[in-house]
Amino acid sequence: MASPILNQIGAVFIPVSSIEQARDWYCDILGIPADGEILFGHLYIIPLQGTNLVLDSKIYSEDSVYKVAAFHFNTNDIEEAYRYMKRKNVNLVTGIEHGQWFNFKDPDGNLLMVCKC
């Protein structure tokens, strides 16, 4: 029997304390305009190629921030991505590991990753 659940991920939710500040920060590091609508006062959807990113201030608490990276952003050039994030004063928590990836934190302390594809 075929599953009615698709083998796709539609969106990844990130808990954030301030929806406006998180929208501006994420859009800045991703190089996209922050011109979408904040939904219901607590959601902002960042359309990405493939799975969307949903910033959500309603689910935020200090206990809900990501302590491990639940996903990674892709890059074709890990060294340039690292330098870019450094220039943006992003909280880098690792160097480039094994020439493939590095971790950083968003302003709320969510641990995220950039990985060479």
PDB file of N, CA and C in Angstrom:
ATOM      1  N   MET A   1       0.843  -1.175   0.000  1.00  0.00           N
ATOM      2  CA  MET A   1       0.000   0.000   0.000  1.00  0.00           C
ATOM      3  C   MET A   1       0.895   1.247   0.000  1.00  0.00           C
ATOM      4  N   ALA A   2       0.614   2.151  -0.873  1.00  0.00           N
ATOM      5  CA  ALA A   2       1.382   3.395  -0.960  1.00  0.00           C
ATOM      6  C   ALA A   2       1.027   4.304   0.203  1.00  0.00           C
ATOM      7  N   SER A   3       2.007   4.992   0.722  1.00  0.00           N
ATOM      8  CA  SER A   3       1.792   5.910   1.839  1.00  0.00           C
ATOM      9  C   SER A   3       1.189   7.221   1.342  1.00  0.00           C
ATOM     10  N   PRO A   4       0.218   7.766   2.071  1.00  0.00           N
ATOM     11  CA  PRO A   4      -0.306   9.075   1.704  1.00  0.00           C
ATOM     12  C   PRO A   4       0.627  10.206   2.135  1.00  0.00           C
ATOM     13  N   ILE A   5       1.680   9.851   2.883  1.00  0.00           N
ATOM     14  CA  ILE A   5       2.675  10.827   3.319  1.00  0.00           C
ATOM     15  C   ILE A   5       3.745  10.914   2.232  1.00  0.00           C
ATOM     16  N   LEU A   6       3.972  12.101   1.704  1.00  0.00           N
ATOM     17  CA  LEU A   6       4.970  12.277   0.663  1.00  0.00           C
ATOM     18  C   LEU A   6       6.372  12.236   1.258  1.00  0.00           C
ATOM     19  N   ASN A   7       7.320  11.767   0.494  1.00  0.00           N
ATOM     20  CA  ASN A   7       8.709  11.720   0.959  1.00  0.00           C
ATOM     21  C   ASN A   7       9.388  13.055   0.653  1.00  0.00           C
ATOM     22  N   GLN A   8       8.793  14.108   1.173  1.00  0.00           N
ATOM     23  CA  GLN A   8       9.273  15.473   0.994  1.00  0.00           C
ATOM     24  C   GLN A   8       9.173  16.212   2.320  1.00  0.00           C
ATOM     25  N   ILE A   9      10.072  17.161   2.512  1.00  0.00           N
ATOM     26  CA  ILE A   9       9.962  18.058   3.663  1.00  0.00           C
ATOM     27  C   ILE A   9       9.507  19.399   3.129  1.00  0.00           C
ATOM     28  N   GLY A  10       8.391  19.888   3.623  1.00  0.00           N
ATOM     29  CA  GLY A  10       7.832  21.151   3.138  1.00  0.00           C
ATOM     30  C   GLY A  10       8.475  22.362   3.759  1.00  0.00           C
ATOM     31  N   ALA A  11       8.793  22.264   5.060  1.00  0.00           N
ATOM     32  CA  ALA A  11       9.363  23.417   5.758  1.00  0.00           C
ATOM     33  C   ALA A  11      10.070  22.951   7.022  1.00  0.00           C
ATOM     34  N   VAL A  12      11.019  23.779   7.451  1.00  0.00           N
ATOM     35  CA  VAL A  12      11.714  23.580   8.721  1.00  0.00           C
ATOM     36  C   VAL A  12      11.397  24.795   9.584  1.00  0.00           C
ATOM     37  N   PHE A  13      10.923  24.572  10.794  1.00  0.00           N
ATOM     38  CA  PHE A  13      10.585  25.648  11.719  1.00  0.00           C
ATOM     39  C   PHE A  13      11.781  25.965  12.605  1.00  0.00           C
ATOM     40  N   ILE A  14      12.025  27.258  12.808  1.00  0.00           N
ATOM     41  CA  ILE A  14      13.080  27.708  13.703  1.00  0.00           C
ATOM     42  C   ILE A  14      12.460  28.614  14.757  1.00  0.00           C
ATOM     43  N   PRO A  15      12.647  28.284  16.034  1.00  0.00           N
ATOM     44  CA  PRO A  15      12.119  29.146  17.099  1.00  0.00           C
ATOM     45  C   PRO A  15      12.958  30.412  17.222  1.00  0.00           C
ATOM     46  N   VAL A  16      12.291  31.558  17.196  1.00  0.00           N
ATOM     47  CA  VAL A  16      12.977  32.851  17.296  1.00  0.00           C
ATOM     48  C   VAL A  16      12.246  33.732  18.299  1.00  0.00           C
ATOM     49  N   SER A  17      12.987  34.590  18.978  1.00  0.00           N
ATOM     50  CA  SER A  17      12.360  35.427  20.011  1.00  0.00           C
ATOM     51  C   SER A  17      11.679  36.657  19.435  1.00  0.00           C
ATOM     52  N   SER A  18      12.209  37.220  18.368  1.00  0.00           N
ATOM     53  CA  SER A  18      11.627  38.401  17.728  1.00  0.00           C
ATOM     54  C   SER A  18      11.485  38.117  16.242  1.00  0.00           C
ATOM     55  N   ILE A  19      10.264  38.045  15.768  1.00  0.00           N
ATOM     56  CA  ILE A  19      10.033  37.676  14.374  1.00  0.00           C
ATOM     57  C   ILE A  19      10.627  38.702  13.417  1.00  0.00           C
ATOM     58  N   GLU A  20      10.521  39.988  13.749  1.00  0.00           N
ATOM     59  CA  GLU A  20      11.057  41.027  12.869  1.00  0.00           C
ATOM     60  C   GLU A  20      12.584  40.970  12.806  1.00  0.00           C
ATOM     61  N   GLN A  21      13.228  40.865  13.963  1.00  0.00           N
ATOM     62  CA  GLN A  21      14.691  40.813  13.978  1.00  0.00           C
ATOM     63  C   GLN A  21      15.200  39.544  13.301  1.00  0.00           C
ATOM     64  N   ALA A  22      14.543  38.426  13.546  1.00  0.00           N
ATOM     65  CA  ALA A  22      14.963  37.162  12.925  1.00  0.00           C
ATOM     66  C   ALA A  22      14.785  37.236  11.411  1.00  0.00           C
ATOM     67  N   ARG A  23      13.654  37.768  10.952  1.00  0.00           N
ATOM     68  CA  ARG A  23      13.426  37.935   9.509  1.00  0.00           C
ATOM     69  C   ARG A  23      14.567  38.725   8.879  1.00  0.00           C
ATOM     70  N   ASP A  24      14.895  39.858   9.488  1.00  0.00           N
ATOM     71  CA  ASP A  24      15.944  40.714   8.935  1.00  0.00           C
ATOM     72  C   ASP A  24      17.294  40.015   8.935  1.00  0.00           C
ATOM     73  N   TRP A  25      17.626  39.301  10.012  1.00  0.00           N
ATOM     74  CA  TRP A  25      18.923  38.630  10.126  1.00  0.00           C
ATOM     75  C   TRP A  25      19.042  37.496   9.105  1.00  0.00           C
ATOM     76  N   TYR A  26      18.048  36.614   9.041  1.00  0.00           N
ATOM     77  CA  TYR A  26      18.107  35.486   8.115  1.00  0.00           C
ATOM     78  C   TYR A  26      18.115  35.958   6.667  1.00  0.00           C
ATOM     79  N   CYS A  27      17.265  36.913   6.339  1.00  0.00           N
ATOM     80  CA  CYS A  27      17.247  37.421   4.965  1.00  0.00           C
ATOM     81  C   CYS A  27      18.576  38.067   4.610  1.00  0.00           C
ATOM     82  N   ASP A  28      19.194  38.752   5.560  1.00  0.00           N
ATOM     83  CA  ASP A  28      20.493  39.367   5.315  1.00  0.00           C
ATOM     84  C   ASP A  28      21.559  38.317   5.014  1.00  0.00           C
ATOM     85  N   ILE A  29      21.678  37.293   5.856  1.00  0.00           N
ATOM     86  CA  ILE A  29      22.744  36.307   5.605  1.00  0.00           C
ATOM     87  C   ILE A  29      22.461  35.478   4.348  1.00  0.00           C
ATOM     88  N   LEU A  30      21.190  35.331   3.972  1.00  0.00           N
ATOM     89  CA  LEU A  30      20.849  34.573   2.771  1.00  0.00           C
ATOM     90  C   LEU A  30      20.834  35.442   1.522  1.00  0.00           C
ATOM     91  N   GLY A  31      20.985  36.759   1.701  1.00  0.00           N
ATOM     92  CA  GLY A  31      21.029  37.660   0.557  1.00  0.00           C
ATOM     93  C   GLY A  31      19.718  37.782  -0.188  1.00  0.00           C
ATOM     94  N   ILE A  32      18.619  37.720   0.566  1.00  0.00           N
ATOM     95  CA  ILE A  32      17.302  37.858  -0.067  1.00  0.00           C
ATOM     96  C   ILE A  32      16.542  39.009   0.599  1.00  0.00           C
ATOM     97  N   PRO A  33      15.624  39.631  -0.125  1.00  0.00           N
ATOM     98  CA  PRO A  33      14.884  40.746   0.467  1.00  0.00           C
ATOM     99  C   PRO A  33      13.934  40.277   1.564  1.00  0.00           C
ATOM    100  N   ALA A  34      13.800  41.097   2.587  1.00  0.00           N
ATOM    101  CA  ALA A  34      12.884  40.794   3.702  1.00  0.00           C
ATOM    102  C   ALA A  34      11.558  41.498   3.437  1.00  0.00           C
ATOM    103  N   ASP A  35      10.933  41.138   2.343  1.00  0.00           N
ATOM    104  CA  ASP A  35       9.730  41.862   1.942  1.00  0.00           C
ATOM    105  C   ASP A  35       8.448  41.038   2.011  1.00  0.00           C
ATOM    106  N   GLY A  36       8.543  39.850   2.590  1.00  0.00           N
ATOM    107  CA  GLY A  36       7.345  39.033   2.744  1.00  0.00           C
ATOM    108  C   GLY A  36       6.526  39.479   3.942  1.00  0.00           C
ATOM    109  N   GLU A  37       5.357  38.926   4.052  1.00  0.00           N
ATOM    110  CA  GLU A  37       4.430  39.284   5.118  1.00  0.00           C
ATOM    111  C   GLU A  37       4.667  38.425   6.363  1.00  0.00           C
ATOM    112  N   ILE A  38       4.606  39.054   7.535  1.00  0.00           N
ATOM    113  CA  ILE A  38       4.607  38.303   8.796  1.00  0.00           C
ATOM    114  C   ILE A  38       3.181  37.820   8.999  1.00  0.00           C
ATOM    115  N   LEU A  39       3.029  36.519   9.138  1.00  0.00           N
ATOM    116  CA  LEU A  39       1.704  35.902   9.247  1.00  0.00           C
ATOM    117  C   LEU A  39       1.305  35.708  10.699  1.00  0.00           C
ATOM    118  N   PHE A  40       0.083  36.074  10.999  1.00  0.00           N
ATOM    119  CA  PHE A  40      -0.512  35.841  12.325  1.00  0.00           C
ATOM    120  C   PHE A  40       0.301  36.449  13.462  1.00  0.00           C
ATOM    121  N   GLY A  41       1.168  37.397  13.149  1.00  0.00           N
ATOM    122  CA  GLY A  41       1.966  38.069  14.158  1.00  0.00           C
ATOM    123  C   GLY A  41       3.171  37.290  14.656  1.00  0.00           C
ATOM    124  N   HIS A  42       3.391  36.050  14.143  1.00  0.00           N
ATOM    125  CA  HIS A  42       4.503  35.254  14.679  1.00  0.00           C
ATOM    126  C   HIS A  42       5.212  34.353  13.675  1.00  0.00           C
ATOM    127  N   LEU A  43       4.807  34.341  12.416  1.00  0.00           N
ATOM    128  CA  LEU A  43       5.415  33.461  11.419  1.00  0.00           C
ATOM    129  C   LEU A  43       5.985  34.263  10.255  1.00  0.00           C
ATOM    130  N   TYR A  44       7.156  33.882   9.805  1.00  0.00           N
ATOM    131  CA  TYR A  44       7.713  34.455   8.583  1.00  0.00           C
ATOM    132  C   TYR A  44       8.294  33.314   7.767  1.00  0.00           C
ATOM    133  N   ILE A  45       7.832  33.171   6.540  1.00  0.00           N
ATOM    134  CA  ILE A  45       8.281  32.090   5.663  1.00  0.00           C
ATOM    135  C   ILE A  45       9.352  32.625   4.721  1.00  0.00           C
ATOM    136  N   ILE A  46      10.507  31.985   4.768  1.00  0.00           N
ATOM    137  CA  ILE A  46      11.589  32.322   3.851  1.00  0.00           C
ATOM    138  C   ILE A  46      11.582  31.262   2.754  1.00  0.00           C
ATOM    139  N   PRO A  47      11.182  31.659   1.538  1.00  0.00           N
ATOM    140  CA  PRO A  47      11.155  30.678   0.449  1.00  0.00           C
ATOM    141  C   PRO A  47      12.568  30.373  -0.026  1.00  0.00           C
ATOM    142  N   LEU A  48      12.938  29.118   0.069  1.00  0.00           N
ATOM    143  CA  LEU A  48      14.247  28.658  -0.376  1.00  0.00           C
ATOM    144  C   LEU A  48      14.049  27.725  -1.564  1.00  0.00           C
ATOM    145  N   GLN A  49      15.114  27.364  -2.210  1.00  0.00           N
ATOM    146  CA  GLN A  49      15.022  26.367  -3.266  1.00  0.00           C
ATOM    147  C   GLN A  49      14.819  25.016  -2.589  1.00  0.00           C
ATOM    148  N   GLY A  50      13.666  24.440  -2.753  1.00  0.00           N
ATOM    149  CA  GLY A  50      13.347  23.186  -2.069  1.00  0.00           C
ATOM    150  C   GLY A  50      12.532  23.470  -0.826  1.00  0.00           C
ATOM    151  N   THR A  51      13.038  23.065   0.313  1.00  0.00           N
ATOM    152  CA  THR A  51      12.347  23.207   1.590  1.00  0.00           C
ATOM    153  C   THR A  51      12.369  24.650   2.072  1.00  0.00           C
ATOM    154  N   ASN A  52      11.215  25.157   2.496  1.00  0.00           N
ATOM    155  CA  ASN A  52      11.142  26.517   3.025  1.00  0.00           C
ATOM    156  C   ASN A  52      11.593  26.560   4.481  1.00  0.00           C
ATOM    157  N   LEU A  53      11.978  27.750   4.910  1.00  0.00           N
ATOM    158  CA  LEU A  53      12.363  28.003   6.289  1.00  0.00           C
ATOM    159  C   LEU A  53      11.251  28.832   6.920  1.00  0.00           C
ATOM    160  N   VAL A  54      10.742  28.400   8.064  1.00  0.00           N
ATOM    161  CA  VAL A  54       9.688  29.136   8.754  1.00  0.00           C
ATOM    162  C   VAL A  54      10.219  29.602  10.101  1.00  0.00           C
ATOM    163  N   LEU A  55      10.317  30.908  10.256  1.00  0.00           N
ATOM    164  CA  LEU A  55      10.697  31.502  11.532  1.00  0.00           C
ATOM    165  C   LEU A  55       9.419  31.641  12.341  1.00  0.00           C
ATOM    166  N   ASP A  56       9.449  31.228  13.606  1.00  0.00           N
ATOM    167  CA  ASP A  56       8.236  31.221  14.420  1.00  0.00           C
ATOM    168  C   ASP A  56       8.542  31.710  15.827  1.00  0.00           C
ATOM    169  N   SER A  57       7.996  32.866  16.159  1.00  0.00           N
ATOM    170  CA  SER A  57       8.231  33.406  17.506  1.00  0.00           C
ATOM    171  C   SER A  57       7.267  32.828  18.534  1.00  0.00           C
ATOM    172  N   LYS A  58       6.205  32.180  18.089  1.00  0.00           N
ATOM    173  CA  LYS A  58       5.253  31.588  19.037  1.00  0.00           C
ATOM    174  C   LYS A  58       5.819  30.335  19.707  1.00  0.00           C
ATOM    175  N   ILE A  59       6.712  29.637  19.030  1.00  0.00           N
ATOM    176  CA  ILE A  59       7.263  28.394  19.599  1.00  0.00           C
ATOM    177  C   ILE A  59       8.574  28.642  20.343  1.00  0.00           C
ATOM    178  N   TYR A  60       9.017  29.898  20.408  1.00  0.00           N
ATOM    179  CA  TYR A  60      10.307  30.195  21.025  1.00  0.00           C
ATOM    180  C   TYR A  60      10.270  30.068  22.542  1.00  0.00           C
ATOM    181  N   SER A  61      11.306  29.446  23.078  1.00  0.00           N
ATOM    182  CA  SER A  61      11.657  29.489  24.490  1.00  0.00           C
ATOM    183  C   SER A  61      13.134  29.149  24.538  1.00  0.00           C
ATOM    184  N   GLU A  62      13.792  29.461  25.632  1.00  0.00           N
ATOM    185  CA  GLU A  62      15.212  29.125  25.734  1.00  0.00           C
ATOM    186  C   GLU A  62      15.435  27.621  25.597  1.00  0.00           C
ATOM    187  N   ASP A  63      14.444  26.821  26.006  1.00  0.00           N
ATOM    188  CA  ASP A  63      14.567  25.369  25.912  1.00  0.00           C
ATOM    189  C   ASP A  63      14.339  24.842  24.496  1.00  0.00           C
ATOM    190  N   SER A  64      13.693  25.652  23.626  1.00  0.00           N
ATOM    191  CA  SER A  64      13.359  25.152  22.291  1.00  0.00           C
ATOM    192  C   SER A  64      14.403  25.468  21.230  1.00  0.00           C
ATOM    193  N   VAL A  65      15.430  26.250  21.553  1.00  0.00           N
ATOM    194  CA  VAL A  65      16.439  26.554  20.533  1.00  0.00           C
ATOM    195  C   VAL A  65      17.222  25.296  20.185  1.00  0.00           C
ATOM    196  N   TYR A  66      17.670  25.235  18.940  1.00  0.00           N
ATOM    197  CA  TYR A  66      18.413  24.070  18.467  1.00  0.00           C
ATOM    198  C   TYR A  66      19.772  23.988  19.146  1.00  0.00           C
ATOM    199  N   LYS A  67      20.005  22.892  19.817  1.00  0.00           N
ATOM    200  CA  LYS A  67      21.304  22.629  20.444  1.00  0.00           C
ATOM    201  C   LYS A  67      22.211  21.862  19.497  1.00  0.00           C
ATOM    202  N   VAL A  68      21.610  21.204  18.512  1.00  0.00           N
ATOM    203  CA  VAL A  68      22.328  20.535  17.431  1.00  0.00           C
ATOM    204  C   VAL A  68      21.706  20.998  16.119  1.00  0.00           C
ATOM    205  N   ALA A  69      22.489  21.014  15.086  1.00  0.00           N
ATOM    206  CA  ALA A  69      21.974  21.466  13.790  1.00  0.00           C
ATOM    207  C   ALA A  69      20.969  20.452  13.257  1.00  0.00           C
ATOM    208  N   ALA A  70      19.749  20.901  13.001  1.00  0.00           N
ATOM    209  CA  ALA A  70      18.706  20.022  12.486  1.00  0.00           C
ATOM    210  C   ALA A  70      18.746  19.928  10.955  1.00  0.00           C
ATOM    211  N   PHE A  71      19.490  20.838  10.325  1.00  0.00           N
ATOM    212  CA  PHE A  71      19.629  20.858   8.877  1.00  0.00           C
ATOM    213  C   PHE A  71      20.877  21.671   8.566  1.00  0.00           C
ATOM    214  N   HIS A  72      21.239  21.738   7.292  1.00  0.00           N
ATOM    215  CA  HIS A  72      22.344  22.615   6.906  1.00  0.00           C
ATOM    216  C   HIS A  72      21.990  23.403   5.659  1.00  0.00           C
ATOM    217  N   PHE A  73      22.594  24.584   5.557  1.00  0.00           N
ATOM    218  CA  PHE A  73      22.522  25.375   4.343  1.00  0.00           C
ATOM    219  C   PHE A  73      23.640  24.883   3.432  1.00  0.00           C
ATOM    220  N   ASN A  74      23.368  24.774   2.144  1.00  0.00           N
ATOM    221  CA  ASN A  74      24.372  24.336   1.182  1.00  0.00           C
ATOM    222  C   ASN A  74      25.247  25.498   0.721  1.00  0.00           C
ATOM    223  N   THR A  75      26.452  25.176   0.330  1.00  0.00           N
ATOM    224  CA  THR A  75      27.341  26.124  -0.336  1.00  0.00           C
ATOM    225  C   THR A  75      28.193  25.371  -1.337  1.00  0.00           C
ATOM    226  N   ASN A  76      28.584  26.062  -2.398  1.00  0.00           N
ATOM    227  CA  ASN A  76      29.534  25.494  -3.351  1.00  0.00           C
ATOM    228  C   ASN A  76      30.968  25.812  -2.955  1.00  0.00           C
ATOM    229  N   ASP A  77      31.151  26.818  -2.092  1.00  0.00           N
ATOM    230  CA  ASP A  77      32.487  27.275  -1.706  1.00  0.00           C
ATOM    231  C   ASP A  77      32.524  27.483  -0.193  1.00  0.00           C
ATOM    232  N   ILE A  78      32.949  26.476   0.537  1.00  0.00           N
ATOM    233  CA  ILE A  78      32.919  26.521   2.005  1.00  0.00           C
ATOM    234  C   ILE A  78      33.830  27.608   2.560  1.00  0.00           C
ATOM    235  N   GLU A  79      34.971  27.819   1.933  1.00  0.00           N
ATOM    236  CA  GLU A  79      35.885  28.854   2.419  1.00  0.00           C
ATOM    237  C   GLU A  79      35.274  30.247   2.271  1.00  0.00           C
ATOM    238  N   GLU A  80      34.677  30.524   1.106  1.00  0.00           N
ATOM    239  CA  GLU A  80      34.045  31.834   0.894  1.00  0.00           C
ATOM    240  C   GLU A  80      32.831  32.003   1.806  1.00  0.00           C
ATOM    241  N   ALA A  81      32.060  30.934   2.017  1.00  0.00           N
ATOM    242  CA  ALA A  81      30.905  31.005   2.914  1.00  0.00           C
ATOM    243  C   ALA A  81      31.360  31.356   4.335  1.00  0.00           C
ATOM    244  N   TYR A  82      32.456  30.762   4.775  1.00  0.00           N
ATOM    245  CA  TYR A  82      32.985  31.039   6.107  1.00  0.00           C
ATOM    246  C   TYR A  82      33.443  32.490   6.217  1.00  0.00           C
ATOM    247  N   ARG A  83      34.178  32.966   5.215  1.00  0.00           N
ATOM    248  CA  ARG A  83      34.631  34.366   5.219  1.00  0.00           C
ATOM    249  C   ARG A  83      33.441  35.327   5.194  1.00  0.00           C
ATOM    250  N   TYR A  84      32.429  35.007   4.413  1.00  0.00           N
ATOM    251  CA  TYR A  84      31.215  35.824   4.317  1.00  0.00           C
ATOM    252  C   TYR A  84      30.534  35.953   5.678  1.00  0.00           C
ATOM    253  N   MET A  85      30.359  34.830   6.356  1.00  0.00           N
ATOM    254  CA  MET A  85      29.708  34.847   7.665  1.00  0.00           C
ATOM    255  C   MET A  85      30.566  35.606   8.678  1.00  0.00           C
ATOM    256  N   LYS A  86      31.872  35.466   8.578  1.00  0.00           N
ATOM    257  CA  LYS A  86      32.777  36.188   9.468  1.00  0.00           C
ATOM    258  C   LYS A  86      32.644  37.694   9.243  1.00  0.00           C
ATOM    259  N   ARG A  87      32.587  38.125   7.978  1.00  0.00           N
ATOM    260  CA  ARG A  87      32.410  39.550   7.665  1.00  0.00           C
ATOM    261  C   ARG A  87      31.080  40.071   8.197  1.00  0.00           C
ATOM    262  N   LYS A  88      30.073  39.215   8.262  1.00  0.00           N
ATOM    263  CA  LYS A  88      28.751  39.596   8.758  1.00  0.00           C
ATOM    264  C   LYS A  88      28.689  39.538  10.283  1.00  0.00           C
ATOM    265  N   ASN A  89      29.804  39.214  10.931  1.00  0.00           N
ATOM    266  CA  ASN A  89      29.882  39.100  12.395  1.00  0.00           C
ATOM    267  C   ASN A  89      28.927  38.054  12.964  1.00  0.00           C
ATOM    268  N   VAL A  90      28.726  36.978  12.212  1.00  0.00           N
ATOM    269  CA  VAL A  90      27.909  35.864  12.684  1.00  0.00           C
ATOM    270  C   VAL A  90      28.712  35.105  13.732  1.00  0.00           C
ATOM    271  N   ASN A  91      28.037  34.600  14.745  1.00  0.00           N
ATOM    272  CA  ASN A  91      28.675  33.833  15.808  1.00  0.00           C
ATOM    273  C   ASN A  91      29.082  32.458  15.268  1.00  0.00           C
ATOM    274  N   LEU A  92      30.328  32.348  14.817  1.00  0.00           N
ATOM    275  CA  LEU A  92      30.863  31.094  14.287  1.00  0.00           C
ATOM    276  C   LEU A  92      31.353  30.259  15.461  1.00  0.00           C
ATOM    277  N   VAL A  93      30.832  29.043  15.585  1.00  0.00           N
ATOM    278  CA  VAL A  93      31.191  28.216  16.742  1.00  0.00           C
ATOM    279  C   VAL A  93      32.188  27.114  16.408  1.00  0.00           C
ATOM    280  N   THR A  94      32.457  26.913  15.126  1.00  0.00           N
ATOM    281  CA  THR A  94      33.531  26.015  14.709  1.00  0.00           C
ATOM    282  C   THR A  94      34.268  26.683  13.564  1.00  0.00           C
ATOM    283  N   GLY A  95      35.435  26.173  13.283  1.00  0.00           N
ATOM    284  CA  GLY A  95      36.095  26.519  12.040  1.00  0.00           C
ATOM    285  C   GLY A  95      35.532  25.611  10.964  1.00  0.00           C
ATOM    286  N   ILE A  96      36.138  25.639   9.808  1.00  0.00           N
ATOM    287  CA  ILE A  96      35.741  24.713   8.740  1.00  0.00           C
ATOM    288  C   ILE A  96      36.285  23.342   9.110  1.00  0.00           C
ATOM    289  N   GLU A  97      35.398  22.396   9.257  1.00  0.00           N
ATOM    290  CA  GLU A  97      35.763  21.047   9.685  1.00  0.00           C
ATOM    291  C   GLU A  97      35.879  20.113   8.479  1.00  0.00           C
ATOM    292  N   HIS A  98      37.012  19.403   8.387  1.00  0.00           N
ATOM    293  CA  HIS A  98      37.257  18.415   7.336  1.00  0.00           C
ATOM    294  C   HIS A  98      37.070  18.993   5.934  1.00  0.00           C
ATOM    295  N   GLY A  99      37.226  20.318   5.814  1.00  0.00           N
ATOM    296  CA  GLY A  99      37.059  20.976   4.518  1.00  0.00           C
ATOM    297  C   GLY A  99      35.645  20.944   3.992  1.00  0.00           C
ATOM    298  N   GLN A 100      34.662  20.606   4.869  1.00  0.00           N
ATOM    299  CA  GLN A 100      33.293  20.354   4.406  1.00  0.00           C
ATOM    300  C   GLN A 100      32.204  21.208   5.049  1.00  0.00           C
ATOM    301  N   TRP A 101      32.355  21.580   6.320  1.00  0.00           N
ATOM    302  CA  TRP A 101      31.244  22.215   7.020  1.00  0.00           C
ATOM    303  C   TRP A 101      31.727  23.089   8.159  1.00  0.00           C
ATOM    304  N   PHE A 102      30.839  23.976   8.621  1.00  0.00           N
ATOM    305  CA  PHE A 102      31.065  24.735   9.849  1.00  0.00           C
ATOM    306  C   PHE A 102      29.729  25.029  10.507  1.00  0.00           C
ATOM    307  N   ASN A 103      29.772  25.259  11.816  1.00  0.00           N
ATOM    308  CA  ASN A 103      28.574  25.578  12.580  1.00  0.00           C
ATOM    309  C   ASN A 103      28.599  27.033  13.016  1.00  0.00           C
ATOM    310  N   PHE A 104      27.404  27.586  13.170  1.00  0.00           N
ATOM    311  CA  PHE A 104      27.245  28.952  13.643  1.00  0.00           C
ATOM    312  C   PHE A 104      25.948  29.043  14.427  1.00  0.00           C
ATOM    313  N   LYS A 105      25.772  30.145  15.135  1.00  0.00           N
ATOM    314  CA  LYS A 105      24.533  30.364  15.880  1.00  0.00           C
ATOM    315  C   LYS A 105      23.833  31.614  15.363  1.00  0.00           C
ATOM    316  N   ASP A 106      22.510  31.541  15.351  1.00  0.00           N
ATOM    317  CA  ASP A 106      21.734  32.738  15.026  1.00  0.00           C
ATOM    318  C   ASP A 106      21.649  33.603  16.284  1.00  0.00           C
ATOM    319  N   PRO A 107      21.073  34.796  16.216  1.00  0.00           N
ATOM    320  CA  PRO A 107      21.019  35.667  17.396  1.00  0.00           C
ATOM    321  C   PRO A 107      20.277  35.082  18.603  1.00  0.00           C
ATOM    322  N   ASP A 108      19.413  34.079  18.376  1.00  0.00           N
ATOM    323  CA  ASP A 108      18.704  33.437  19.490  1.00  0.00           C
ATOM    324  C   ASP A 108      19.440  32.233  20.047  1.00  0.00           C
ATOM    325  N   GLY A 109      20.572  31.877  19.449  1.00  0.00           N
ATOM    326  CA  GLY A 109      21.358  30.750  19.938  1.00  0.00           C
ATOM    327  C   GLY A 109      21.069  29.436  19.243  1.00  0.00           C
ATOM    328  N   ASN A 110      20.230  29.430  18.194  1.00  0.00           N
ATOM    329  CA  ASN A 110      20.002  28.205  17.434  1.00  0.00           C
ATOM    330  C   ASN A 110      21.274  27.798  16.716  1.00  0.00           C
ATOM    331  N   LEU A 111      21.701  26.559  16.899  1.00  0.00           N
ATOM    332  CA  LEU A 111      22.885  26.045  16.241  1.00  0.00           C
ATOM    333  C   LEU A 111      22.524  25.611  14.820  1.00  0.00           C
ATOM    334  N   LEU A 112      23.250  26.150  13.852  1.00  0.00           N
ATOM    335  CA  LEU A 112      22.980  25.878  12.444  1.00  0.00           C
ATOM    336  C   LEU A 112      24.284  25.494  11.769  1.00  0.00           C
ATOM    337  N   MET A 113      24.199  25.023  10.512  1.00  0.00           N
ATOM    338  CA  MET A 113      25.360  24.521   9.806  1.00  0.00           C
ATOM    339  C   MET A 113      25.346  24.982   8.357  1.00  0.00           C
ATOM    340  N   VAL A 114      26.533  25.199   7.813  1.00  0.00           N
ATOM    341  CA  VAL A 114      26.727  25.376   6.377  1.00  0.00           C
ATOM    342  C   VAL A 114      27.601  24.221   5.937  1.00  0.00           C
ATOM    343  N   CYS A 115      27.218  23.586   4.838  1.00  0.00           N
ATOM    344  CA  CYS A 115      27.934  22.393   4.369  1.00  0.00           C
ATOM    345  C   CYS A 115      28.179  22.484   2.864  1.00  0.00           C
ATOM    346  N   LYS A 116      29.367  22.085   2.471  1.00  0.00           N
ATOM    347  CA  LYS A 116      29.714  22.053   1.053  1.00  0.00           C
ATOM    348  C   LYS A 116      28.911  20.968   0.365  1.00  0.00           C
ATOM    349  N   CYS A 117      28.307  21.323  -0.755  1.00  0.00           N
ATOM    350  CA  CYS A 117      27.512  20.308  -1.472  1.00  0.00           C
ATOM    351  C   CYS A 117      28.276  19.744  -2.644  1.00  0.00           C
TER     352      CYS A 117
END
